[in-house]
Amino acid sequence: MPWYSFQPIDLYPHNVGSPNNYQLVGINPPNCPNPNNFLCAIQAPDNAGKPNFGAAPNLILEIANAVNNRLESTNVLLRPSLT
């Protein structure tokens, strides 16, 4: 599955469930340095260059768990700042 970098274009608080807030990175995960404070990237099925959340119904919960607990998971990477 491809990786997508979280690049929010909407107003704060950013919607992590909006495909428009992600940019396709490719098959390798992007560099997401520590500490793990904010969403950096997700791994998800592709839909025309955007993540397909419908094909990964538990991904939103996985993102929430990772961000709330500041612990990365198989499909979610974190970074030190939002930008």
Protein backbone atom coordinates (compact mmCIF):
# COMPACT_ATOMS: atom_id res chain seq x y z
CA MET A 1 0.00 0.00 0.00
CA PRO A 2 1.18 3.53 -0.67
CA TRP A 3 2.09 6.15 1.94
CA TYR A 4 0.56 9.63 2.16
CA SER A 5 2.01 12.65 3.91
CA PHE A 6 -0.43 14.64 6.05
CA GLN A 7 -0.42 18.16 4.55
CA PRO A 8 -3.60 19.84 5.87
CA ILE A 9 -5.19 22.43 3.62
CA ASP A 10 -8.32 22.96 5.71
CA LEU A 11 -8.68 25.25 8.71
CA TYR A 12 -7.71 24.17 12.22
CA PRO A 13 -8.75 21.77 13.68
CA HIS A 14 -7.61 19.77 10.67
CA ASN A 15 -9.73 16.88 9.48
CA VAL A 16 -7.52 13.77 9.43
CA GLY A 17 -10.33 11.93 7.62
CA SER A 18 -10.28 14.22 4.57
CA PRO A 19 -8.38 12.69 1.64
CA ASN A 20 -7.62 16.21 0.41
CA ASN A 21 -5.32 16.74 3.42
CA TYR A 22 -2.87 14.10 2.16
CA GLN A 23 -0.21 14.01 -0.55
CA LEU A 24 0.88 10.74 -2.14
CA VAL A 25 4.47 9.84 -1.18
CA GLY A 26 4.85 6.39 -2.73
CA ILE A 27 5.54 2.87 -1.53
CA ASN A 28 8.22 3.89 0.97
CA PRO A 29 7.28 5.78 4.13
CA PRO A 30 8.46 9.40 4.43
CA ASN A 31 10.97 10.51 7.04
CA CYS A 32 9.05 11.32 10.22
CA PRO A 33 11.50 12.26 13.02
CA ASN A 34 10.83 12.04 16.75
CA PRO A 35 9.29 13.12 19.05
CA ASN A 36 5.94 11.61 18.13
CA ASN A 37 3.50 14.48 18.69
CA PHE A 38 1.55 15.08 15.47
CA LEU A 39 0.31 13.11 12.48
CA CYS A 40 2.99 12.78 9.80
CA ALA A 41 1.87 10.08 7.36
CA ILE A 42 -0.50 7.20 6.81
CA GLN A 43 -0.46 4.02 4.76
CA ALA A 44 -3.76 3.41 2.99
CA PRO A 45 -5.31 1.99 -0.18
CA ASP A 46 -5.15 4.41 -3.11
CA ASN A 47 -8.03 6.21 -4.82
CA ALA A 48 -6.73 8.42 -7.65
CA GLY A 49 -3.70 9.57 -5.67
CA LYS A 50 -5.56 10.09 -2.40
CA PRO A 51 -6.09 7.72 0.54
CA ASN A 52 -9.22 5.59 0.33
CA PHE A 53 -10.60 5.59 3.86
CA GLY A 54 -13.63 3.55 2.76
CA ALA A 55 -11.36 0.64 1.90
CA ALA A 56 -9.64 0.91 5.31
CA PRO A 57 -12.53 1.44 7.75
CA ASN A 58 -10.39 1.16 10.91
CA LEU A 59 -7.74 3.63 9.75
CA ILE A 60 -9.39 6.70 11.33
CA LEU A 61 -9.46 4.91 14.68
CA GLU A 62 -5.83 3.86 14.19
CA ILE A 63 -4.90 7.52 13.49
CA ALA A 64 -6.79 8.69 16.59
CA ASN A 65 -5.12 6.07 18.79
CA ALA A 66 -1.66 6.92 17.47
CA VAL A 67 -2.06 10.68 17.95
CA ASN A 68 -3.78 10.45 21.34
CA ASN A 69 -1.20 8.01 22.72
CA ARG A 70 1.76 9.46 20.78
CA LEU A 71 2.61 5.96 19.57
CA GLU A 72 3.15 5.10 15.93
CA SER A 73 1.45 2.06 14.43
CA THR A 74 1.73 -0.08 11.32
CA ASN A 75 -0.15 2.43 9.17
CA VAL A 76 0.43 5.70 11.04
CA LEU A 77 3.65 7.70 11.51
CA LEU A 78 4.05 10.74 13.75
CA ARG A 79 6.35 13.79 13.79
CA PRO A 80 7.40 16.55 16.22
CA SER A 81 5.35 19.42 14.75
CA LEU A 82 2.37 19.97 12.49
CA THR A 83 4.44 21.57 9.73
